[in-house]
């Protein structure tokens, strides 16, 4: 038995959309936190090679990985949300 057999398609779309929007909010909060901390966008952070500039410190490297994950998550989820909403029209 498939999930689609148990739940209406509209309900599945709404649940997925709701989850994606929650994740998107968390990624945007992470992006905003790092923008404030470093006073720049992730693109600028990468272009300035701040990880190397800060001596490859563990904290800066961890921030870089978390920030990149958030930025990529925002891009991915915005695309998915757009497609799901378009399907619902």
PDB file of N, CA and C in Angstrom:
ATOM      1  N   UNK A   1       0.843  -1.184   0.000  1.00  0.00           N
ATOM      2  CA  UNK A   1       0.000   0.000   0.000  1.00  0.00           C
ATOM      3  C   UNK A   1       0.888   1.247   0.000  1.00  0.00           C
ATOM      4  N   UNK A   2       0.491   2.229  -0.762  1.00  0.00           N
ATOM      5  CA  UNK A   2       1.234   3.480  -0.884  1.00  0.00           C
ATOM      6  C   UNK A   2       0.579   4.563  -0.038  1.00  0.00           C
ATOM      7  N   UNK A   3       1.394   5.530   0.349  1.00  0.00           N
ATOM      8  CA  UNK A   3       0.889   6.667   1.114  1.00  0.00           C
ATOM      9  C   UNK A   3      -0.211   7.386   0.341  1.00  0.00           C
ATOM     10  N   UNK A   4      -0.038   7.481  -0.961  1.00  0.00           N
ATOM     11  CA  UNK A   4      -1.034   8.149  -1.804  1.00  0.00           C
ATOM     12  C   UNK A   4      -2.383   7.437  -1.771  1.00  0.00           C
ATOM     13  N   UNK A   5      -2.376   6.154  -1.402  1.00  0.00           N
ATOM     14  CA  UNK A   5      -3.636   5.415  -1.281  1.00  0.00           C
ATOM     15  C   UNK A   5      -4.369   5.764   0.017  1.00  0.00           C
ATOM     16  N   UNK A   6      -3.631   6.230   1.006  1.00  0.00           N
ATOM     17  CA  UNK A   6      -4.214   6.537   2.316  1.00  0.00           C
ATOM     18  C   UNK A   6      -4.653   7.986   2.469  1.00  0.00           C
ATOM     19  N   UNK A   7      -3.919   8.888   1.811  1.00  0.00           N
ATOM     20  CA  UNK A   7      -4.170  10.319   1.979  1.00  0.00           C
ATOM     21  C   UNK A   7      -4.444  10.978   0.632  1.00  0.00           C
ATOM     22  N   UNK A   8      -5.301  11.962   0.624  1.00  0.00           N
ATOM     23  CA  UNK A   8      -5.538  12.701  -0.621  1.00  0.00           C
ATOM     24  C   UNK A   8      -4.270  13.461  -1.031  1.00  0.00           C
ATOM     25  N   UNK A   9      -4.073  13.611  -2.317  1.00  0.00           N
ATOM     26  CA  UNK A   9      -2.889  14.298  -2.845  1.00  0.00           C
ATOM     27  C   UNK A   9      -2.766  15.708  -2.269  1.00  0.00           C
ATOM     28  N   UNK A  10      -3.886  16.406  -2.148  1.00  0.00           N
ATOM     29  CA  UNK A  10      -3.866  17.774  -1.619  1.00  0.00           C
ATOM     30  C   UNK A  10      -3.296  17.796  -0.191  1.00  0.00           C
ATOM     31  N   UNK A  11      -3.674  16.831   0.607  1.00  0.00           N
ATOM     32  CA  UNK A  11      -3.195  16.769   1.992  1.00  0.00           C
ATOM     33  C   UNK A  11      -1.687  16.493   2.037  1.00  0.00           C
ATOM     34  N   UNK A  12      -1.217  15.635   1.163  1.00  0.00           N
ATOM     35  CA  UNK A  12       0.215  15.338   1.098  1.00  0.00           C
ATOM     36  C   UNK A  12       0.984  16.590   0.677  1.00  0.00           C
ATOM     37  N   UNK A  13       0.495  17.288  -0.344  1.00  0.00           N
ATOM     38  CA  UNK A  13       1.141  18.520  -0.811  1.00  0.00           C
ATOM     39  C   UNK A  13       1.208  19.556   0.302  1.00  0.00           C
ATOM     40  N   UNK A  14       0.093  19.717   1.045  1.00  0.00           N
ATOM     41  CA  UNK A  14       0.054  20.705   2.119  1.00  0.00           C
ATOM     42  C   UNK A  14       1.048  20.354   3.223  1.00  0.00           C
ATOM     43  N   UNK A  15       1.154  19.067   3.548  1.00  0.00           N
ATOM     44  CA  UNK A  15       2.082  18.633   4.595  1.00  0.00           C
ATOM     45  C   UNK A  15       3.530  18.866   4.166  1.00  0.00           C
ATOM     46  N   UNK A  16       3.847  18.519   2.940  1.00  0.00           N
ATOM     47  CA  UNK A  16       5.201  18.715   2.426  1.00  0.00           C
ATOM     48  C   UNK A  16       5.515  20.205   2.348  1.00  0.00           C
ATOM     49  N   UNK A  17       4.595  20.975   1.838  1.00  0.00           N
ATOM     50  CA  UNK A  17       4.779  22.419   1.729  1.00  0.00           C
ATOM     51  C   UNK A  17       5.005  23.044   3.107  1.00  0.00           C
ATOM     52  N   UNK A  18       4.228  22.636   4.080  1.00  0.00           N
ATOM     53  CA  UNK A  18       4.382  23.149   5.439  1.00  0.00           C
ATOM     54  C   UNK A  18       5.763  22.814   6.006  1.00  0.00           C
ATOM     55  N   UNK A  19       6.204  21.597   5.808  1.00  0.00           N
ATOM     56  CA  UNK A  19       7.524  21.175   6.300  1.00  0.00           C
ATOM     57  C   UNK A  19       8.638  21.951   5.593  1.00  0.00           C
ATOM     58  N   UNK A  20       8.526  22.101   4.290  1.00  0.00           N
ATOM     59  CA  UNK A  20       9.537  22.843   3.539  1.00  0.00           C
ATOM     60  C   UNK A  20       9.589  24.298   3.986  1.00  0.00           C
ATOM     61  N   UNK A  21       8.434  24.896   4.254  1.00  0.00           N
ATOM     62  CA  UNK A  21       8.410  26.287   4.692  1.00  0.00           C
ATOM     63  C   UNK A  21       9.029  26.449   6.080  1.00  0.00           C
ATOM     64  N   UNK A  22       8.843  25.472   6.960  1.00  0.00           N
ATOM     65  CA  UNK A  22       9.490  25.514   8.281  1.00  0.00           C
ATOM     66  C   UNK A  22      11.007  25.444   8.128  1.00  0.00           C
ATOM     67  N   UNK A  23      11.471  24.513   7.298  1.00  0.00           N
ATOM     68  CA  UNK A  23      12.910  24.378   7.075  1.00  0.00           C
ATOM     69  C   UNK A  23      13.485  25.640   6.445  1.00  0.00           C
ATOM     70  N   UNK A  24      12.751  26.215   5.504  1.00  0.00           N
ATOM     71  CA  UNK A  24      13.200  27.437   4.846  1.00  0.00           C
ATOM     72  C   UNK A  24      13.376  28.562   5.865  1.00  0.00           C
ATOM     73  N   UNK A  25      12.443  28.675   6.781  1.00  0.00           N
ATOM     74  CA  UNK A  25      12.545  29.693   7.833  1.00  0.00           C
ATOM     75  C   UNK A  25      13.800  29.475   8.675  1.00  0.00           C
ATOM     76  N   UNK A  26      14.081  28.236   9.039  1.00  0.00           N
ATOM     77  CA  UNK A  26      15.282  27.943   9.836  1.00  0.00           C
ATOM     78  C   UNK A  26      16.554  28.269   9.061  1.00  0.00           C
ATOM     79  N   UNK A  27      16.584  27.927   7.779  1.00  0.00           N
ATOM     80  CA  UNK A  27      17.754  28.247   6.966  1.00  0.00           C
ATOM     81  C   UNK A  27      17.932  29.755   6.836  1.00  0.00           C
ATOM     82  N   UNK A  28      16.832  30.480   6.672  1.00  0.00           N
ATOM     83  CA  UNK A  28      16.921  31.942   6.559  1.00  0.00           C
ATOM     84  C   UNK A  28      17.397  32.571   7.864  1.00  0.00           C
ATOM     85  N   UNK A  29      16.966  32.025   8.995  1.00  0.00           N
ATOM     86  CA  UNK A  29      17.443  32.517  10.292  1.00  0.00           C
ATOM     87  C   UNK A  29      18.939  32.278  10.446  1.00  0.00           C
ATOM     88  N   UNK A  30      19.403  31.117  10.011  1.00  0.00           N
ATOM     89  CA  UNK A  30      20.833  30.798  10.059  1.00  0.00           C
ATOM     90  C   UNK A  30      21.613  31.764   9.179  1.00  0.00           C
ATOM     91  N   UNK A  31      21.129  31.991   7.961  1.00  0.00           N
ATOM     92  CA  UNK A  31      21.780  32.928   7.044  1.00  0.00           C
ATOM     93  C   UNK A  31      21.852  34.313   7.672  1.00  0.00           C
ATOM     94  N   UNK A  32      20.767  34.762   8.253  1.00  0.00           N
ATOM     95  CA  UNK A  32      20.731  36.094   8.870  1.00  0.00           C
ATOM     96  C   UNK A  32      21.708  36.182  10.052  1.00  0.00           C
ATOM     97  N   UNK A  33      21.786  35.129  10.837  1.00  0.00           N
ATOM     98  CA  UNK A  33      22.709  35.113  11.982  1.00  0.00           C
ATOM     99  C   UNK A  33      24.151  35.308  11.514  1.00  0.00           C
ATOM    100  N   UNK A  34      24.537  34.582  10.462  1.00  0.00           N
ATOM    101  CA  UNK A  34      25.905  34.694   9.968  1.00  0.00           C
ATOM    102  C   UNK A  34      26.145  36.006   9.235  1.00  0.00           C
ATOM    103  N   UNK A  35      25.124  36.530   8.554  1.00  0.00           N
ATOM    104  CA  UNK A  35      25.265  37.845   7.920  1.00  0.00           C
ATOM    105  C   UNK A  35      25.587  38.909   8.978  1.00  0.00           C
ATOM    106  N   UNK A  36      24.900  38.827  10.107  1.00  0.00           N
ATOM    107  CA  UNK A  36      25.139  39.791  11.185  1.00  0.00           C
ATOM    108  C   UNK A  36      26.511  39.561  11.824  1.00  0.00           C
ATOM    109  N   UNK A  37      26.845  38.309  12.046  1.00  0.00           N
ATOM    110  CA  UNK A  37      28.119  37.980  12.706  1.00  0.00           C
ATOM    111  C   UNK A  37      29.320  38.454  11.886  1.00  0.00           C
ATOM    112  N   UNK A  38      29.266  38.228  10.569  1.00  0.00           N
ATOM    113  CA  UNK A  38      30.406  38.558   9.719  1.00  0.00           C
ATOM    114  C   UNK A  38      30.238  39.860   8.938  1.00  0.00           C
ATOM    115  N   UNK A  39      29.048  40.444   8.987  1.00  0.00           N
ATOM    116  CA  UNK A  39      28.815  41.721   8.322  1.00  0.00           C
ATOM    117  C   UNK A  39      28.866  41.642   6.804  1.00  0.00           C
ATOM    118  N   UNK A  40      28.473  40.497   6.263  1.00  0.00           N
ATOM    119  CA  UNK A  40      28.506  40.309   4.806  1.00  0.00           C
ATOM    120  C   UNK A  40      27.655  39.106   4.428  1.00  0.00           C
ATOM    121  N   UNK A  41      27.452  38.944   3.119  1.00  0.00           N
ATOM    122  CA  UNK A  41      26.723  37.779   2.613  1.00  0.00           C
ATOM    123  C   UNK A  41      27.672  36.578   2.555  1.00  0.00           C
ATOM    124  N   UNK A  42      27.114  35.402   2.350  1.00  0.00           N
ATOM    125  CA  UNK A  42      27.951  34.212   2.224  1.00  0.00           C
ATOM    126  C   UNK A  42      28.853  34.309   1.003  1.00  0.00           C
ATOM    127  N   UNK A  43      28.331  34.867  -0.084  1.00  0.00           N
ATOM    128  CA  UNK A  43      29.135  35.029  -1.297  1.00  0.00           C
ATOM    129  C   UNK A  43      30.372  35.885  -1.008  1.00  0.00           C
ATOM    130  N   UNK A  44      30.167  36.993  -0.296  1.00  0.00           N
ATOM    131  CA  UNK A  44      31.297  37.856   0.070  1.00  0.00           C
ATOM    132  C   UNK A  44      32.261  37.128   0.997  1.00  0.00           C
ATOM    133  N   UNK A  45      31.713  36.375   1.928  1.00  0.00           N
ATOM    134  CA  UNK A  45      32.509  35.581   2.873  1.00  0.00           C
ATOM    135  C   UNK A  45      33.434  34.632   2.107  1.00  0.00           C
ATOM    136  N   UNK A  46      32.868  33.950   1.093  1.00  0.00           N
ATOM    137  CA  UNK A  46      33.646  33.016   0.281  1.00  0.00           C
ATOM    138  C   UNK A  46      34.677  33.760  -0.569  1.00  0.00           C
ATOM    139  N   UNK A  47      34.258  34.861  -1.185  1.00  0.00           N
ATOM    140  CA  UNK A  47      35.171  35.625  -2.050  1.00  0.00           C
ATOM    141  C   UNK A  47      36.367  36.171  -1.277  1.00  0.00           C
ATOM    142  N   UNK A  48      36.141  36.548  -0.027  1.00  0.00           N
ATOM    143  CA  UNK A  48      37.228  37.070   0.801  1.00  0.00           C
ATOM    144  C   UNK A  48      38.059  35.948   1.421  1.00  0.00           C
ATOM    145  N   UNK A  49      37.607  34.706   1.222  1.00  0.00           N
ATOM    146  CA  UNK A  49      38.290  33.531   1.762  1.00  0.00           C
ATOM    147  C   UNK A  49      38.559  33.711   3.262  1.00  0.00           C
ATOM    148  N   UNK A  50      37.509  34.059   3.980  1.00  0.00           N
ATOM    149  CA  UNK A  50      37.630  34.355   5.397  1.00  0.00           C
ATOM    150  C   UNK A  50      38.109  33.170   6.227  1.00  0.00           C
ATOM    151  N   UNK A  51      37.816  31.967   5.790  1.00  0.00           N
ATOM    152  CA  UNK A  51      38.286  30.792   6.542  1.00  0.00           C
ATOM    153  C   UNK A  51      39.810  30.810   6.589  1.00  0.00           C
ATOM    154  N   UNK A  52      40.435  31.038   5.451  1.00  0.00           N
ATOM    155  CA  UNK A  52      41.905  31.102   5.409  1.00  0.00           C
ATOM    156  C   UNK A  52      42.416  32.330   6.149  1.00  0.00           C
ATOM    157  N   UNK A  53      41.709  33.451   5.942  1.00  0.00           N
ATOM    158  CA  UNK A  53      42.129  34.700   6.584  1.00  0.00           C
ATOM    159  C   UNK A  53      42.121  34.573   8.110  1.00  0.00           C
ATOM    160  N   UNK A  54      41.190  33.801   8.628  1.00  0.00           N
ATOM    161  CA  UNK A  54      41.076  33.620  10.087  1.00  0.00           C
ATOM    162  C   UNK A  54      41.909  32.426  10.567  1.00  0.00           C
ATOM    163  N   UNK A  55      42.821  31.949   9.711  1.00  0.00           N
ATOM    164  CA  UNK A  55      43.738  30.893  10.128  1.00  0.00           C
ATOM    165  C   UNK A  55      43.100  29.517  10.233  1.00  0.00           C
ATOM    166  N   UNK A  56      42.064  29.279   9.466  1.00  0.00           N
ATOM    167  CA  UNK A  56      41.368  27.984   9.450  1.00  0.00           C
ATOM    168  C   UNK A  56      40.918  27.563  10.853  1.00  0.00           C
ATOM    169  N   UNK A  57      40.475  28.539  11.622  1.00  0.00           N
ATOM    170  CA  UNK A  57      40.002  28.229  12.973  1.00  0.00           C
ATOM    171  C   UNK A  57      38.779  27.324  12.898  1.00  0.00           C
ATOM    172  N   UNK A  58      38.660  26.477  13.876  1.00  0.00           N
ATOM    173  CA  UNK A  58      37.557  25.508  13.912  1.00  0.00           C
ATOM    174  C   UNK A  58      36.204  26.210  13.862  1.00  0.00           C
ATOM    175  N   UNK A  59      36.067  27.285  14.620  1.00  0.00           N
ATOM    176  CA  UNK A  59      34.787  28.012  14.672  1.00  0.00           C
ATOM    177  C   UNK A  59      34.408  28.599  13.315  1.00  0.00           C
ATOM    178  N   UNK A  60      35.373  29.201  12.639  1.00  0.00           N
ATOM    179  CA  UNK A  60      35.084  29.834  11.350  1.00  0.00           C
ATOM    180  C   UNK A  60      34.794  28.766  10.300  1.00  0.00           C
ATOM    181  N   UNK A  61      35.528  27.667  10.337  1.00  0.00           N
ATOM    182  CA  UNK A  61      35.257  26.580   9.387  1.00  0.00           C
ATOM    183  C   UNK A  61      33.869  25.995   9.610  1.00  0.00           C
ATOM    184  N   UNK A  62      33.506  25.820  10.879  1.00  0.00           N
ATOM    185  CA  UNK A  62      32.173  25.288  11.198  1.00  0.00           C
ATOM    186  C   UNK A  62      31.091  26.261  10.746  1.00  0.00           C
ATOM    187  N   UNK A  63      31.309  27.557  10.998  1.00  0.00           N
ATOM    188  CA  UNK A  63      30.359  28.569  10.526  1.00  0.00           C
ATOM    189  C   UNK A  63      30.224  28.511   9.007  1.00  0.00           C
ATOM    190  N   UNK A  64      31.346  28.376   8.326  1.00  0.00           N
ATOM    191  CA  UNK A  64      31.333  28.320   6.870  1.00  0.00           C
ATOM    192  C   UNK A  64      30.502  27.148   6.365  1.00  0.00           C
ATOM    193  N   UNK A  65      30.699  25.983   6.955  1.00  0.00           N
ATOM    194  CA  UNK A  65      29.936  24.803   6.533  1.00  0.00           C
ATOM    195  C   UNK A  65      28.445  24.965   6.822  1.00  0.00           C
ATOM    196  N   UNK A  66      28.126  25.455   8.016  1.00  0.00           N
ATOM    197  CA  UNK A  66      26.719  25.653   8.385  1.00  0.00           C
ATOM    198  C   UNK A  66      26.064  26.718   7.514  1.00  0.00           C
ATOM    199  N   UNK A  67      26.793  27.768   7.235  1.00  0.00           N
ATOM    200  CA  UNK A  67      26.266  28.853   6.412  1.00  0.00           C
ATOM    201  C   UNK A  67      26.035  28.377   4.984  1.00  0.00           C
ATOM    202  N   UNK A  68      27.008  27.656   4.439  1.00  0.00           N
ATOM    203  CA  UNK A  68      26.850  27.129   3.078  1.00  0.00           C
ATOM    204  C   UNK A  68      25.649  26.188   2.998  1.00  0.00           C
ATOM    205  N   UNK A  69      25.494  25.346   4.009  1.00  0.00           N
ATOM    206  CA  UNK A  69      24.343  24.433   4.059  1.00  0.00           C
ATOM    207  C   UNK A  69      23.031  25.228   4.064  1.00  0.00           C
ATOM    208  N   UNK A  70      22.986  26.297   4.836  1.00  0.00           N
ATOM    209  CA  UNK A  70      21.777  27.125   4.914  1.00  0.00           C
ATOM    210  C   UNK A  70      21.493  27.806   3.578  1.00  0.00           C
ATOM    211  N   UNK A  71      22.514  28.366   2.952  1.00  0.00           N
ATOM    212  CA  UNK A  71      22.338  29.072   1.677  1.00  0.00           C
ATOM    213  C   UNK A  71      21.868  28.097   0.596  1.00  0.00           C
ATOM    214  N   UNK A  72      22.480  26.935   0.545  1.00  0.00           N
ATOM    215  CA  UNK A  72      22.062  25.923  -0.439  1.00  0.00           C
ATOM    216  C   UNK A  72      20.659  25.415  -0.118  1.00  0.00           C
ATOM    217  N   UNK A  73      20.350  25.274   1.162  1.00  0.00           N
ATOM    218  CA  UNK A  73      19.013  24.854   1.577  1.00  0.00           C
ATOM    219  C   UNK A  73      17.950  25.857   1.162  1.00  0.00           C
ATOM    220  N   UNK A  74      18.260  27.133   1.301  1.00  0.00           N
ATOM    221  CA  UNK A  74      17.329  28.190   0.886  1.00  0.00           C
ATOM    222  C   UNK A  74      17.065  28.080  -0.611  1.00  0.00           C
ATOM    223  N   UNK A  75      18.122  27.977  -1.384  1.00  0.00           N
ATOM    224  CA  UNK A  75      17.981  27.878  -2.841  1.00  0.00           C
ATOM    225  C   UNK A  75      17.146  26.654  -3.221  1.00  0.00           C
ATOM    226  N   UNK A  76      17.471  25.509  -2.654  1.00  0.00           N
ATOM    227  CA  UNK A  76      16.773  24.265  -2.967  1.00  0.00           C
ATOM    228  C   UNK A  76      15.298  24.321  -2.572  1.00  0.00           C
ATOM    229  N   UNK A  77      15.027  24.758  -1.350  1.00  0.00           N
ATOM    230  CA  UNK A  77      13.651  24.776  -0.862  1.00  0.00           C
ATOM    231  C   UNK A  77      12.792  25.811  -1.574  1.00  0.00           C
ATOM    232  N   UNK A  78      13.359  26.978  -1.881  1.00  0.00           N
ATOM    233  CA  UNK A  78      12.576  27.970  -2.619  1.00  0.00           C
ATOM    234  C   UNK A  78      12.161  27.409  -3.983  1.00  0.00           C
ATOM    235  N   UNK A  79      13.057  26.691  -4.610  1.00  0.00           N
ATOM    236  CA  UNK A  79      12.743  26.071  -5.903  1.00  0.00           C
ATOM    237  C   UNK A  79      11.644  25.011  -5.751  1.00  0.00           C
ATOM    238  N   UNK A  80      11.768  24.161  -4.744  1.00  0.00           N
ATOM    239  CA  UNK A  80      10.780  23.104  -4.516  1.00  0.00           C
ATOM    240  C   UNK A  80       9.414  23.686  -4.155  1.00  0.00           C
ATOM    241  N   UNK A  81       9.392  24.688  -3.292  1.00  0.00           N
ATOM    242  CA  UNK A  81       8.142  25.326  -2.889  1.00  0.00           C
ATOM    243  C   UNK A  81       7.446  25.943  -4.095  1.00  0.00           C
ATOM    244  N   UNK A  82       8.227  26.615  -4.933  1.00  0.00           N
ATOM    245  CA  UNK A  82       7.682  27.233  -6.146  1.00  0.00           C
ATOM    246  C   UNK A  82       7.024  26.166  -7.033  1.00  0.00           C
ATOM    247  N   UNK A  83       7.694  25.042  -7.207  1.00  0.00           N
ATOM    248  CA  UNK A  83       7.160  23.970  -8.051  1.00  0.00           C
ATOM    249  C   UNK A  83       5.894  23.365  -7.460  1.00  0.00           C
ATOM    250  N   UNK A  84       5.888  23.171  -6.142  1.00  0.00           N
ATOM    251  CA  UNK A  84       4.710  22.588  -5.490  1.00  0.00           C
ATOM    252  C   UNK A  84       3.509  23.537  -5.610  1.00  0.00           C
ATOM    253  N   UNK A  85       3.764  24.818  -5.377  1.00  0.00           N
ATOM    254  CA  UNK A  85       2.679  25.801  -5.481  1.00  0.00           C
ATOM    255  C   UNK A  85       2.159  25.893  -6.914  1.00  0.00           C
ATOM    256  N   UNK A  86       3.048  25.783  -7.871  1.00  0.00           N
ATOM    257  CA  UNK A  86       2.651  25.833  -9.271  1.00  0.00           C
ATOM    258  C   UNK A  86       1.766  24.621  -9.614  1.00  0.00           C
ATOM    259  N   UNK A  87       2.070  23.476  -9.041  1.00  0.00           N
ATOM    260  CA  UNK A  87       1.280  22.276  -9.261  1.00  0.00           C
ATOM    261  C   UNK A  87      -0.144  22.434  -8.729  1.00  0.00           C
ATOM    262  N   UNK A  88      -0.271  23.209  -7.663  1.00  0.00           N
ATOM    263  CA  UNK A  88      -1.555  23.386  -6.989  1.00  0.00           C
ATOM    264  C   UNK A  88      -2.464  24.385  -7.696  1.00  0.00           C
ATOM    265  N   UNK A  89      -1.936  25.096  -8.663  1.00  0.00           N
ATOM    266  CA  UNK A  89      -2.744  26.128  -9.351  1.00  0.00           C
ATOM    267  C   UNK A  89      -3.713  25.499 -10.320  1.00  0.00           C
TER     268      UNK A  89
END
